[in-house]
Amino acid sequence: MYVGRLVAQARQVDRRLSEAEARFDALVSAEVEARAAELERTLARPRRLALEARRRGRKIGETRRAALAEREHAAGAEPSEALARVEQRVAHRVAELNADLERTERGLSSQLAALAQRNSS
């Protein structure tokens, strides 16, 4: 009789432990999802800024090329080297901006991965 009660209590403890583990797993999963969503929102801004920077860079380049073409037309003919230098500087600056934004995005992505890994452990 005493052994039967001990077995029943052990089963009850096991059941409660399983329920507690399930609740804990659900809480951890919810927290991981919440943090992942938060990081996704955080990453959305740099992505949007990168896209805007690319658009602005293209627009600036187009505007400068158009202005240069207009000046060349008005002045007769400026050397094409000036145009090439301007285009090269614009392209270089746009490439630098894109590289900066990509580094930021990679950093935030690695933070997201680290957080997800830490929360899943």
PDB file of N, CA and C in Angstrom:
ATOM      1  N   MET A   1       0.827  -1.189   0.000  1.00  0.00           N
ATOM      2  CA  MET A   1       0.000   0.000   0.000  1.00  0.00           C
ATOM      3  C   MET A   1       0.880   1.266   0.000  1.00  0.00           C
ATOM      4  N   TYR A   2       1.880   1.304   0.843  1.00  0.00           N
ATOM      5  CA  TYR A   2       2.775   2.446   0.934  1.00  0.00           C
ATOM      6  C   TYR A   2       3.556   2.619  -0.374  1.00  0.00           C
ATOM      7  N   VAL A   3       4.004   1.521  -0.963  1.00  0.00           N
ATOM      8  CA  VAL A   3       4.747   1.549  -2.225  1.00  0.00           C
ATOM      9  C   VAL A   3       3.831   2.050  -3.351  1.00  0.00           C
ATOM     10  N   GLY A   4       2.581   1.625  -3.322  1.00  0.00           N
ATOM     11  CA  GLY A   4       1.613   2.075  -4.327  1.00  0.00           C
ATOM     12  C   GLY A   4       1.430   3.587  -4.280  1.00  0.00           C
ATOM     13  N   ARG A   5       1.374   4.148  -3.058  1.00  0.00           N
ATOM     14  CA  ARG A   5       1.248   5.604  -2.920  1.00  0.00           C
ATOM     15  C   ARG A   5       2.500   6.308  -3.433  1.00  0.00           C
ATOM     16  N   LEU A   6       3.652   5.742  -3.138  1.00  0.00           N
ATOM     17  CA  LEU A   6       4.894   6.339  -3.615  1.00  0.00           C
ATOM     18  C   LEU A   6       4.960   6.330  -5.145  1.00  0.00           C
ATOM     19  N   VAL A   7       4.529   5.242  -5.760  1.00  0.00           N
ATOM     20  CA  VAL A   7       4.510   5.149  -7.215  1.00  0.00           C
ATOM     21  C   VAL A   7       3.534   6.170  -7.781  1.00  0.00           C
ATOM     22  N   ALA A   8       2.374   6.309  -7.175  1.00  0.00           N
ATOM     23  CA  ALA A   8       1.380   7.269  -7.635  1.00  0.00           C
ATOM     24  C   ALA A   8       1.914   8.696  -7.493  1.00  0.00           C
ATOM     25  N   GLN A   9       2.582   8.981  -6.391  1.00  0.00           N
ATOM     26  CA  GLN A   9       3.152  10.309  -6.200  1.00  0.00           C
ATOM     27  C   GLN A   9       4.264  10.576  -7.218  1.00  0.00           C
ATOM     28  N   ALA A  10       5.070   9.555  -7.485  1.00  0.00           N
ATOM     29  CA  ALA A  10       6.143   9.706  -8.479  1.00  0.00           C
ATOM     30  C   ALA A  10       5.555   9.998  -9.852  1.00  0.00           C
ATOM     31  N   ARG A  11       4.491   9.316 -10.202  1.00  0.00           N
ATOM     32  CA  ARG A  11       3.835   9.572 -11.493  1.00  0.00           C
ATOM     33  C   ARG A  11       3.265  10.985 -11.543  1.00  0.00           C
ATOM     34  N   GLN A  12       2.683  11.393 -10.422  1.00  0.00           N
ATOM     35  CA  GLN A  12       2.117  12.736 -10.367  1.00  0.00           C
ATOM     36  C   GLN A  12       3.231  13.791 -10.514  1.00  0.00           C
ATOM     37  N   VAL A  13       4.373  13.566  -9.877  1.00  0.00           N
ATOM     38  CA  VAL A  13       5.507  14.470  -9.989  1.00  0.00           C
ATOM     39  C   VAL A  13       5.997  14.500 -11.436  1.00  0.00           C
ATOM     40  N   ASP A  14       6.091  13.328 -12.068  1.00  0.00           N
ATOM     41  CA  ASP A  14       6.517  13.260 -13.467  1.00  0.00           C
ATOM     42  C   ASP A  14       5.549  14.031 -14.365  1.00  0.00           C
ATOM     43  N   ARG A  15       4.248  13.869 -14.134  1.00  0.00           N
ATOM     44  CA  ARG A  15       3.247  14.554 -14.933  1.00  0.00           C
ATOM     45  C   ARG A  15       3.371  16.072 -14.759  1.00  0.00           C
ATOM     46  N   ARG A  16       3.525  16.499 -13.507  1.00  0.00           N
ATOM     47  CA  ARG A  16       3.661  17.934 -13.250  1.00  0.00           C
ATOM     48  C   ARG A  16       4.943  18.488 -13.887  1.00  0.00           C
ATOM     49  N   LEU A  17       5.999  17.706 -13.815  1.00  0.00           N
ATOM     50  CA  LEU A  17       7.259  18.130 -14.424  1.00  0.00           C
ATOM     51  C   LEU A  17       7.090  18.257 -15.944  1.00  0.00           C
ATOM     52  N   SER A  18       6.424  17.301 -16.551  1.00  0.00           N
ATOM     53  CA  SER A  18       6.180  17.364 -18.000  1.00  0.00           C
ATOM     54  C   SER A  18       5.336  18.584 -18.352  1.00  0.00           C
ATOM     55  N   GLU A  19       4.315  18.860 -17.535  1.00  0.00           N
ATOM     56  CA  GLU A  19       3.477  20.041 -17.788  1.00  0.00           C
ATOM     57  C   GLU A  19       4.295  21.324 -17.641  1.00  0.00           C
ATOM     58  N   ALA A  20       5.142  21.363 -16.620  1.00  0.00           N
ATOM     59  CA  ALA A  20       5.972  22.550 -16.400  1.00  0.00           C
ATOM     60  C   ALA A  20       6.954  22.736 -17.559  1.00  0.00           C
ATOM     61  N   GLU A  21       7.543  21.643 -18.031  1.00  0.00           N
ATOM     62  CA  GLU A  21       8.456  21.727 -19.178  1.00  0.00           C
ATOM     63  C   GLU A  21       7.722  22.230 -20.415  1.00  0.00           C
ATOM     64  N   ALA A  22       6.517  21.763 -20.622  1.00  0.00           N
ATOM     65  CA  ALA A  22       5.738  22.199 -21.783  1.00  0.00           C
ATOM     66  C   ALA A  22       5.424  23.698 -21.681  1.00  0.00           C
ATOM     67  N   ARG A  23       5.052  24.154 -20.490  1.00  0.00           N
ATOM     68  CA  ARG A  23       4.774  25.578 -20.307  1.00  0.00           C
ATOM     69  C   ARG A  23       6.048  26.403 -20.530  1.00  0.00           C
ATOM     70  N   PHE A  24       7.159  25.908 -19.997  1.00  0.00           N
ATOM     71  CA  PHE A  24       8.435  26.600 -20.168  1.00  0.00           C
ATOM     72  C   PHE A  24       8.813  26.679 -21.649  1.00  0.00           C
ATOM     73  N   ASP A  25       8.685  25.555 -22.353  1.00  0.00           N
ATOM     74  CA  ASP A  25       8.992  25.536 -23.786  1.00  0.00           C
ATOM     75  C   ASP A  25       8.104  26.523 -24.543  1.00  0.00           C
ATOM     76  N   ALA A  26       6.828  26.592 -24.178  1.00  0.00           N
ATOM     77  CA  ALA A  26       5.912  27.519 -24.835  1.00  0.00           C
ATOM     78  C   ALA A  26       6.321  28.969 -24.556  1.00  0.00           C
ATOM     79  N   LEU A  27       6.715  29.251 -23.321  1.00  0.00           N
ATOM     80  CA  LEU A  27       7.153  30.609 -22.979  1.00  0.00           C
ATOM     81  C   LEU A  27       8.417  30.986 -23.741  1.00  0.00           C
ATOM     82  N   VAL A  28       9.368  30.070 -23.788  1.00  0.00           N
ATOM     83  CA  VAL A  28      10.620  30.341 -24.500  1.00  0.00           C
ATOM     84  C   VAL A  28      10.328  30.544 -25.979  1.00  0.00           C
ATOM     85  N   SER A  29       9.488  29.701 -26.541  1.00  0.00           N
ATOM     86  CA  SER A  29       9.143  29.820 -27.958  1.00  0.00           C
ATOM     87  C   SER A  29       8.472  31.160 -28.234  1.00  0.00           C
ATOM     88  N   ALA A  30       7.564  31.560 -27.379  1.00  0.00           N
ATOM     89  CA  ALA A  30       6.880  32.851 -27.559  1.00  0.00           C
ATOM     90  C   ALA A  30       7.879  34.003 -27.461  1.00  0.00           C
ATOM     91  N   GLU A  31       8.811  33.902 -26.532  1.00  0.00           N
ATOM     92  CA  GLU A  31       9.821  34.954 -26.368  1.00  0.00           C
ATOM     93  C   GLU A  31      10.736  35.021 -27.592  1.00  0.00           C
ATOM     94  N   VAL A  32      11.136  33.859 -28.092  1.00  0.00           N
ATOM     95  CA  VAL A  32      11.983  33.827 -29.291  1.00  0.00           C
ATOM     96  C   VAL A  32      11.236  34.453 -30.460  1.00  0.00           C
ATOM     97  N   GLU A  33       9.975  34.117 -30.626  1.00  0.00           N
ATOM     98  CA  GLU A  33       9.184  34.686 -31.715  1.00  0.00           C
ATOM     99  C   GLU A  33       9.045  36.205 -31.558  1.00  0.00           C
ATOM    100  N   ALA A  34       8.824  36.640 -30.331  1.00  0.00           N
ATOM    101  CA  ALA A  34       8.683  38.080 -30.097  1.00  0.00           C
ATOM    102  C   ALA A  34       9.990  38.807 -30.417  1.00  0.00           C
ATOM    103  N   ARG A  35      11.094  38.243 -29.986  1.00  0.00           N
ATOM    104  CA  ARG A  35      12.398  38.881 -30.254  1.00  0.00           C
ATOM    105  C   ARG A  35      12.727  38.849 -31.739  1.00  0.00           C
ATOM    106  N   ALA A  36      12.396  37.744 -32.384  1.00  0.00           N
ATOM    107  CA  ALA A  36      12.640  37.639 -33.822  1.00  0.00           C
ATOM    108  C   ALA A  36      11.813  38.691 -34.567  1.00  0.00           C
ATOM    109  N   ALA A  37      10.564  38.857 -34.160  1.00  0.00           N
ATOM    110  CA  ALA A  37       9.710  39.865 -34.792  1.00  0.00           C
ATOM    111  C   ALA A  37      10.260  41.268 -34.542  1.00  0.00           C
ATOM    112  N   GLU A  38      10.744  41.499 -33.331  1.00  0.00           N
ATOM    113  CA  GLU A  38      11.317  42.799 -32.996  1.00  0.00           C
ATOM    114  C   GLU A  38      12.560  43.072 -33.848  1.00  0.00           C
ATOM    115  N   LEU A  39      13.409  42.065 -33.994  1.00  0.00           N
ATOM    116  CA  LEU A  39      14.605  42.238 -34.811  1.00  0.00           C
ATOM    117  C   LEU A  39      14.252  42.404 -36.292  1.00  0.00           C
ATOM    118  N   GLU A  40      13.231  41.716 -36.737  1.00  0.00           N
ATOM    119  CA  GLU A  40      12.783  41.896 -38.118  1.00  0.00           C
ATOM    120  C   GLU A  40      12.325  43.332 -38.332  1.00  0.00           C
ATOM    121  N   ARG A  41      11.605  43.880 -37.350  1.00  0.00           N
ATOM    122  CA  ARG A  41      11.181  45.284 -37.461  1.00  0.00           C
ATOM    123  C   ARG A  41      12.405  46.192 -37.453  1.00  0.00           C
ATOM    124  N   THR A  42      13.394  45.836 -36.628  1.00  0.00           N
ATOM    125  CA  THR A  42      14.612  46.626 -36.557  1.00  0.00           C
ATOM    126  C   THR A  42      15.372  46.551 -37.885  1.00  0.00           C
ATOM    127  N   LEU A  43      15.405  45.364 -38.488  1.00  0.00           N
ATOM    128  CA  LEU A  43      16.095  45.201 -39.768  1.00  0.00           C
ATOM    129  C   LEU A  43      15.348  45.876 -40.909  1.00  0.00           C
ATOM    130  N   ALA A  44      14.055  46.008 -40.783  1.00  0.00           N
ATOM    131  CA  ALA A  44      13.258  46.604 -41.856  1.00  0.00           C
ATOM    132  C   ALA A  44      13.700  48.043 -42.122  1.00  0.00           C
ATOM    133  N   ARG A  45      14.042  48.768 -41.100  1.00  0.00           N
ATOM    134  CA  ARG A  45      14.446  50.164 -41.276  1.00  0.00           C
ATOM    135  C   ARG A  45      15.749  50.279 -42.063  1.00  0.00           C
ATOM    136  N   PRO A  46      16.823  49.551 -41.686  1.00  0.00           N
ATOM    137  CA  PRO A  46      18.046  49.648 -42.499  1.00  0.00           C
ATOM    138  C   PRO A  46      17.821  49.187 -43.948  1.00  0.00           C
ATOM    139  N   ARG A  47      16.980  48.186 -44.125  1.00  0.00           N
ATOM    140  CA  ARG A  47      16.693  47.743 -45.496  1.00  0.00           C
ATOM    141  C   ARG A  47      16.001  48.851 -46.280  1.00  0.00           C
ATOM    142  N   ARG A  48      15.027  49.473 -45.632  1.00  0.00           N
ATOM    143  CA  ARG A  48      14.306  50.571 -46.285  1.00  0.00           C
ATOM    144  C   ARG A  48      15.258  51.726 -46.571  1.00  0.00           C
ATOM    145  N   LEU A  49      16.122  52.042 -45.601  1.00  0.00           N
ATOM    146  CA  LEU A  49      17.087  53.121 -45.800  1.00  0.00           C
ATOM    147  C   LEU A  49      18.057  52.795 -46.927  1.00  0.00           C
ATOM    148  N   ALA A  50      18.463  51.528 -47.021  1.00  0.00           N
ATOM    149  CA  ALA A  50      19.368  51.126 -48.098  1.00  0.00           C
ATOM    150  C   ALA A  50      18.692  51.315 -49.443  1.00  0.00           C
ATOM    151  N   LEU A  51      17.452  50.904 -49.530  1.00  0.00           N
ATOM    152  CA  LEU A  51      16.711  51.059 -50.781  1.00  0.00           C
ATOM    153  C   LEU A  51      16.565  52.542 -51.133  1.00  0.00           C
ATOM    154  N   GLU A  52      16.226  53.341 -50.137  1.00  0.00           N
ATOM    155  CA  GLU A  52      16.093  54.777 -50.375  1.00  0.00           C
ATOM    156  C   GLU A  52      17.427  55.391 -50.799  1.00  0.00           C
ATOM    157  N   ALA A  53      18.527  54.961 -50.164  1.00  0.00           N
ATOM    158  CA  ALA A  53      19.847  55.484 -50.514  1.00  0.00           C
ATOM    159  C   ALA A  53      20.208  55.107 -51.948  1.00  0.00           C
ATOM    160  N   ARG A  54      19.887  53.892 -52.335  1.00  0.00           N
ATOM    161  CA  ARG A  54      20.165  53.474 -53.717  1.00  0.00           C
ATOM    162  C   ARG A  54      19.352  54.320 -54.701  1.00  0.00           C
ATOM    163  N   ARG A  55      18.070  54.512 -54.378  1.00  0.00           N
ATOM    164  CA  ARG A  55      17.221  55.334 -55.254  1.00  0.00           C
ATOM    165  C   ARG A  55      17.756  56.763 -55.345  1.00  0.00           C
ATOM    166  N   ARG A  56      18.116  57.322 -54.176  1.00  0.00           N
ATOM    167  CA  ARG A  56      18.644  58.686 -54.167  1.00  0.00           C
ATOM    168  C   ARG A  56      19.947  58.759 -54.949  1.00  0.00           C
ATOM    169  N   GLY A  57      20.786  57.747 -54.778  1.00  0.00           N
ATOM    170  CA  GLY A  57      22.062  57.719 -55.503  1.00  0.00           C
ATOM    171  C   GLY A  57      21.841  57.688 -57.003  1.00  0.00           C
ATOM    172  N   ARG A  58      20.911  56.843 -57.431  1.00  0.00           N
ATOM    173  CA  ARG A  58      20.604  56.785 -58.866  1.00  0.00           C
ATOM    174  C   ARG A  58      20.046  58.123 -59.351  1.00  0.00           C
ATOM    175  N   LYS A  59      19.148  58.686 -58.556  1.00  0.00           N
ATOM    176  CA  LYS A  59      18.537  59.957 -58.953  1.00  0.00           C
ATOM    177  C   LYS A  59      19.590  61.063 -59.011  1.00  0.00           C
ATOM    178  N   ILE A  60      20.473  61.096 -58.016  1.00  0.00           N
ATOM    179  CA  ILE A  60      21.536  62.103 -58.018  1.00  0.00           C
ATOM    180  C   ILE A  60      22.422  61.915 -59.238  1.00  0.00           C
ATOM    181  N   GLY A  61      22.762  60.665 -59.509  1.00  0.00           N
ATOM    182  CA  GLY A  61      23.592  60.389 -60.684  1.00  0.00           C
ATOM    183  C   GLY A  61      22.917  60.822 -61.969  1.00  0.00           C
ATOM    184  N   GLU A  62      21.639  60.502 -62.099  1.00  0.00           N
ATOM    185  CA  GLU A  62      20.892  60.905 -63.292  1.00  0.00           C
ATOM    186  C   GLU A  62      20.806  62.418 -63.400  1.00  0.00           C
ATOM    187  N   THR A  63      20.551  63.069 -62.273  1.00  0.00           N
ATOM    188  CA  THR A  63      20.451  64.531 -62.266  1.00  0.00           C
ATOM    189  C   THR A  63      21.782  65.160 -62.661  1.00  0.00           C
ATOM    190  N   ARG A  64      22.855  64.642 -62.091  1.00  0.00           N
ATOM    191  CA  ARG A  64      24.179  65.184 -62.418  1.00  0.00           C
ATOM    192  C   ARG A  64      24.533  64.949 -63.888  1.00  0.00           C
ATOM    193  N   ARG A  65      24.224  63.755 -64.372  1.00  0.00           N
ATOM    194  CA  ARG A  65      24.512  63.474 -65.786  1.00  0.00           C
ATOM    195  C   ARG A  65      23.699  64.397 -66.695  1.00  0.00           C
ATOM    196  N   ALA A  66      22.423  64.595 -66.340  1.00  0.00           N
ATOM    197  CA  ALA A  66      21.578  65.477 -67.142  1.00  0.00           C
ATOM    198  C   ALA A  66      22.103  66.912 -67.095  1.00  0.00           C
ATOM    199  N   ALA A  67      22.476  67.364 -65.905  1.00  0.00           N
ATOM    200  CA  ALA A  67      22.996  68.730 -65.771  1.00  0.00           C
ATOM    201  C   ALA A  67      24.293  68.881 -66.544  1.00  0.00           C
ATOM    202  N   LEU A  68      25.134  67.880 -66.460  1.00  0.00           N
ATOM    203  CA  LEU A  68      26.405  67.928 -67.173  1.00  0.00           C
ATOM    204  C   LEU A  68      26.170  67.931 -68.683  1.00  0.00           C
ATOM    205  N   ALA A  69      25.244  67.114 -69.133  1.00  0.00           N
ATOM    206  CA  ALA A  69      24.933  67.079 -70.563  1.00  0.00           C
ATOM    207  C   ALA A  69      24.411  68.432 -71.018  1.00  0.00           C
ATOM    208  N   GLU A  70      23.574  69.044 -70.189  1.00  0.00           N
ATOM    209  CA  GLU A  70      23.034  70.359 -70.533  1.00  0.00           C
ATOM    210  C   GLU A  70      24.139  71.405 -70.590  1.00  0.00           C
ATOM    211  N   ARG A  71      25.028  71.367 -69.620  1.00  0.00           N
ATOM    212  CA  ARG A  71      26.156  72.323 -69.618  1.00  0.00           C
ATOM    213  C   ARG A  71      27.056  72.096 -70.830  1.00  0.00           C
ATOM    214  N   GLU A  72      27.305  70.829 -71.142  1.00  0.00           N
ATOM    215  CA  GLU A  72      28.139  70.533 -72.300  1.00  0.00           C
ATOM    216  C   GLU A  72      27.489  71.060 -73.577  1.00  0.00           C
ATOM    217  N   HIS A  73      26.203  70.843 -73.664  1.00  0.00           N
ATOM    218  CA  HIS A  73      25.484  71.315 -74.844  1.00  0.00           C
ATOM    219  C   HIS A  73      25.540  72.844 -74.925  1.00  0.00           C
ATOM    220  N   ALA A  74      25.324  73.501 -73.768  1.00  0.00           N
ATOM    221  CA  ALA A  74      25.337  74.963 -73.738  1.00  0.00           C
ATOM    222  C   ALA A  74      26.734  75.512 -74.001  1.00  0.00           C
ATOM    223  N   ALA A  75      27.732  74.866 -73.507  1.00  0.00           N
ATOM    224  CA  ALA A  75      29.095  75.355 -73.638  1.00  0.00           C
ATOM    225  C   ALA A  75      29.745  74.886 -74.937  1.00  0.00           C
ATOM    226  N   GLY A  76      29.090  74.052 -75.632  1.00  0.00           N
ATOM    227  CA  GLY A  76      29.671  73.501 -76.858  1.00  0.00           C
ATOM    228  C   GLY A  76      30.061  72.072 -76.609  1.00  0.00           C
ATOM    229  N   ALA A  77      31.153  71.870 -75.930  1.00  0.00           N
ATOM    230  CA  ALA A  77      31.578  70.507 -75.617  1.00  0.00           C
ATOM    231  C   ALA A  77      32.643  70.550 -74.532  1.00  0.00           C
ATOM    232  N   GLU A  78      32.254  70.156 -73.339  1.00  0.00           N
ATOM    233  CA  GLU A  78      33.242  69.998 -72.272  1.00  0.00           C
ATOM    234  C   GLU A  78      33.897  68.644 -72.455  1.00  0.00           C
ATOM    235  N   PRO A  79      35.064  68.477 -71.934  1.00  0.00           N
ATOM    236  CA  PRO A  79      35.733  67.179 -72.084  1.00  0.00           C
ATOM    237  C   PRO A  79      34.927  66.061 -71.415  1.00  0.00           C
ATOM    238  N   SER A  80      34.870  64.949 -72.072  1.00  0.00           N
ATOM    239  CA  SER A  80      34.129  63.809 -71.518  1.00  0.00           C
ATOM    240  C   SER A  80      34.810  63.246 -70.277  1.00  0.00           C
ATOM    241  N   GLU A  81      36.045  63.615 -70.076  1.00  0.00           N
ATOM    242  CA  GLU A  81      36.747  63.162 -68.863  1.00  0.00           C
ATOM    243  C   GLU A  81      36.082  63.730 -67.608  1.00  0.00           C
ATOM    244  N   ALA A  82      35.587  64.952 -67.686  1.00  0.00           N
ATOM    245  CA  ALA A  82      34.915  65.548 -66.533  1.00  0.00           C
ATOM    246  C   ALA A  82      33.676  64.737 -66.179  1.00  0.00           C
ATOM    247  N   LEU A  83      32.938  64.353 -67.191  1.00  0.00           N
ATOM    248  CA  LEU A  83      31.760  63.526 -66.962  1.00  0.00           C
ATOM    249  C   LEU A  83      32.152  62.190 -66.334  1.00  0.00           C
ATOM    250  N   ALA A  84      33.188  61.590 -66.851  1.00  0.00           N
ATOM    251  CA  ALA A  84      33.637  60.296 -66.326  1.00  0.00           C
ATOM    252  C   ALA A  84      34.059  60.427 -64.865  1.00  0.00           C
ATOM    253  N   ARG A  85      34.762  61.506 -64.531  1.00  0.00           N
ATOM    254  CA  ARG A  85      35.189  61.704 -63.138  1.00  0.00           C
ATOM    255  C   ARG A  85      33.989  61.881 -62.211  1.00  0.00           C
ATOM    256  N   VAL A  86      33.022  62.666 -62.654  1.00  0.00           N
ATOM    257  CA  VAL A  86      31.823  62.885 -61.839  1.00  0.00           C
ATOM    258  C   VAL A  86      31.078  61.569 -61.658  1.00  0.00           C
ATOM    259  N   GLU A  87      30.890  60.855 -62.737  1.00  0.00           N
ATOM    260  CA  GLU A  87      30.192  59.568 -62.646  1.00  0.00           C
ATOM    261  C   GLU A  87      30.951  58.595 -61.752  1.00  0.00           C
ATOM    262  N   GLN A  88      32.254  58.611 -61.855  1.00  0.00           N
ATOM    263  CA  GLN A  88      33.063  57.718 -61.017  1.00  0.00           C
ATOM    264  C   GLN A  88      32.932  58.096 -59.544  1.00  0.00           C
ATOM    265  N   ARG A  89      32.966  59.378 -59.231  1.00  0.00           N
ATOM    266  CA  ARG A  89      32.804  59.802 -57.834  1.00  0.00           C
ATOM    267  C   ARG A  89      31.429  59.427 -57.306  1.00  0.00           C
ATOM    268  N   VAL A  90      30.397  59.639 -58.119  1.00  0.00           N
ATOM    269  CA  VAL A  90      29.032  59.296 -57.692  1.00  0.00           C
ATOM    270  C   VAL A  90      28.920  57.794 -57.485  1.00  0.00           C
ATOM    271  N   ALA A  91      29.432  57.028 -58.438  1.00  0.00           N
ATOM    272  CA  ALA A  91      29.367  55.562 -58.327  1.00  0.00           C
ATOM    273  C   ALA A  91      30.135  55.084 -57.097  1.00  0.00           C
ATOM    274  N   HIS A  92      31.278  55.688 -56.838  1.00  0.00           N
ATOM    275  CA  HIS A  92      32.074  55.310 -55.662  1.00  0.00           C
ATOM    276  C   HIS A  92      31.319  55.616 -54.373  1.00  0.00           C
ATOM    277  N   ARG A  93      30.708  56.778 -54.306  1.00  0.00           N
ATOM    278  CA  ARG A  93      29.955  57.158 -53.090  1.00  0.00           C
ATOM    279  C   ARG A  93      28.749  56.251 -52.890  1.00  0.00           C
ATOM    280  N   VAL A  94      28.035  55.930 -53.951  1.00  0.00           N
ATOM    281  CA  VAL A  94      26.887  55.021 -53.854  1.00  0.00           C
ATOM    282  C   VAL A  94      27.362  53.638 -53.399  1.00  0.00           C
ATOM    283  N   ALA A  95      28.495  53.182 -53.942  1.00  0.00           N
ATOM    284  CA  ALA A  95      29.037  51.880 -53.530  1.00  0.00           C
ATOM    285  C   ALA A  95      29.406  51.899 -52.049  1.00  0.00           C
ATOM    286  N   GLU A  96      29.990  52.995 -51.568  1.00  0.00           N
ATOM    287  CA  GLU A  96      30.322  53.103 -50.145  1.00  0.00           C
ATOM    288  C   GLU A  96      29.060  53.060 -49.284  1.00  0.00           C
ATOM    289  N   LEU A  97      28.029  53.786 -49.701  1.00  0.00           N
ATOM    290  CA  LEU A  97      26.775  53.778 -48.944  1.00  0.00           C
ATOM    291  C   LEU A  97      26.164  52.381 -48.918  1.00  0.00           C
ATOM    292  N   ASN A  98      26.159  51.714 -50.057  1.00  0.00           N
ATOM    293  CA  ASN A  98      25.619  50.351 -50.117  1.00  0.00           C
ATOM    294  C   ASN A  98      26.417  49.403 -49.221  1.00  0.00           C
ATOM    295  N   ALA A  99      27.741  49.534 -49.236  1.00  0.00           N
ATOM    296  CA  ALA A  99      28.580  48.671 -48.393  1.00  0.00           C
ATOM    297  C   ALA A  99      28.281  48.920 -46.912  1.00  0.00           C
ATOM    298  N   ASP A 100      28.149  50.191 -46.533  1.00  0.00           N
ATOM    299  CA  ASP A 100      27.824  50.517 -45.133  1.00  0.00           C
ATOM    300  C   ASP A 100      26.486  49.905 -44.736  1.00  0.00           C
ATOM    301  N   LEU A 101      25.510  50.044 -45.589  1.00  0.00           N
ATOM    302  CA  LEU A 101      24.182  49.519 -45.278  1.00  0.00           C
ATOM    303  C   LEU A 101      24.185  47.995 -45.234  1.00  0.00           C
ATOM    304  N   GLU A 102      24.922  47.371 -46.115  1.00  0.00           N
ATOM    305  CA  GLU A 102      25.001  45.900 -46.100  1.00  0.00           C
ATOM    306  C   GLU A 102      25.705  45.408 -44.839  1.00  0.00           C
ATOM    307  N   ARG A 103      26.766  46.107 -44.410  1.00  0.00           N
ATOM    308  CA  ARG A 103      27.436  45.728 -43.157  1.00  0.00           C
ATOM    309  C   ARG A 103      26.474  45.855 -41.977  1.00  0.00           C
ATOM    310  N   THR A 104      25.698  46.925 -41.968  1.00  0.00           N
ATOM    311  CA  THR A 104      24.715  47.110 -40.896  1.00  0.00           C
ATOM    312  C   THR A 104      23.695  45.981 -40.916  1.00  0.00           C
ATOM    313  N   GLU A 105      23.215  45.636 -42.096  1.00  0.00           N
ATOM    314  CA  GLU A 105      22.207  44.572 -42.216  1.00  0.00           C
ATOM    315  C   GLU A 105      22.794  43.225 -41.779  1.00  0.00           C
ATOM    316  N   ARG A 106      24.051  42.932 -42.186  1.00  0.00           N
ATOM    317  CA  ARG A 106      24.689  41.673 -41.761  1.00  0.00           C
ATOM    318  C   ARG A 106      24.860  41.641 -40.241  1.00  0.00           C
ATOM    319  N   GLY A 107      25.246  42.772 -39.667  1.00  0.00           N
ATOM    320  CA  GLY A 107      25.417  42.826 -38.215  1.00  0.00           C
ATOM    321  C   GLY A 107      24.112  42.564 -37.490  1.00  0.00           C
ATOM    322  N   LEU A 108      23.041  43.186 -37.956  1.00  0.00           N
ATOM    323  CA  LEU A 108      21.740  42.981 -37.322  1.00  0.00           C
ATOM    324  C   LEU A 108      21.245  41.550 -37.543  1.00  0.00           C
ATOM    325  N   SER A 109      21.526  40.999 -38.724  1.00  0.00           N
ATOM    326  CA  SER A 109      21.122  39.612 -38.986  1.00  0.00           C
ATOM    327  C   SER A 109      21.860  38.657 -38.064  1.00  0.00           C
ATOM    328  N   SER A 110      23.160  38.913 -37.848  1.00  0.00           N
ATOM    329  CA  SER A 110      23.912  38.025 -36.955  1.00  0.00           C
ATOM    330  C   SER A 110      23.425  38.173 -35.516  1.00  0.00           C
ATOM    331  N   GLN A 111      23.021  39.371 -35.133  1.00  0.00           N
ATOM    332  CA  GLN A 111      22.452  39.549 -33.801  1.00  0.00           C
ATOM    333  C   GLN A 111      21.154  38.768 -33.659  1.00  0.00           C
ATOM    334  N   LEU A 112      20.335  38.792 -34.707  1.00  0.00           N
ATOM    335  CA  LEU A 112      19.081  38.040 -34.711  1.00  0.00           C
ATOM    336  C   LEU A 112      19.364  36.546 -34.585  1.00  0.00           C
ATOM    337  N   ALA A 113      20.337  36.062 -35.337  1.00  0.00           N
ATOM    338  CA  ALA A 113      20.685  34.639 -35.280  1.00  0.00           C
ATOM    339  C   ALA A 113      21.223  34.273 -33.892  1.00  0.00           C
ATOM    340  N   ALA A 114      22.051  35.129 -33.332  1.00  0.00           N
ATOM    341  CA  ALA A 114      22.604  34.855 -32.001  1.00  0.00           C
ATOM    342  C   ALA A 114      21.498  34.842 -30.950  1.00  0.00           C
ATOM    343  N   LEU A 115      20.579  35.766 -31.061  1.00  0.00           N
ATOM    344  CA  LEU A 115      19.469  35.814 -30.111  1.00  0.00           C
ATOM    345  C   LEU A 115      18.606  34.569 -30.249  1.00  0.00           C
ATOM    346  N   ALA A 116      18.322  34.193 -31.472  1.00  0.00           N
ATOM    347  CA  ALA A 116      17.502  32.994 -31.695  1.00  0.00           C
ATOM    348  C   ALA A 116      18.214  31.768 -31.150  1.00  0.00           C
ATOM    349  N   GLN A 117      19.512  31.674 -31.372  1.00  0.00           N
ATOM    350  CA  GLN A 117      20.263  30.521 -30.869  1.00  0.00           C
ATOM    351  C   GLN A 117      20.300  30.525 -29.336  1.00  0.00           C
ATOM    352  N   ARG A 118      20.509  31.698 -28.772  1.00  0.00           N
ATOM    353  CA  ARG A 118      20.579  31.792 -27.312  1.00  0.00           C
ATOM    354  C   ARG A 118      19.246  31.425 -26.687  1.00  0.00           C
ATOM    355  N   ASN A 119      18.167  31.842 -27.309  1.00  0.00           N
ATOM    356  CA  ASN A 119      16.842  31.549 -26.760  1.00  0.00           C
ATOM    357  C   ASN A 119      16.424  30.128 -27.002  1.00  0.00           C
ATOM    358  N   SER A 120      16.998  29.469 -28.021  1.00  0.00           N
ATOM    359  CA  SER A 120      16.624  28.083 -28.283  1.00  0.00           C
ATOM    360  C   SER A 120      17.443  27.115 -27.444  1.00  0.00           C
ATOM    361  N   SER A 121      18.516  27.617 -26.823  1.00  0.00           N
ATOM    362  CA  SER A 121      19.364  26.730 -26.002  1.00  0.00           C
ATOM    363  C   SER A 121      18.750  26.464 -24.659  1.00  0.00           C
TER     364      SER A 121
END
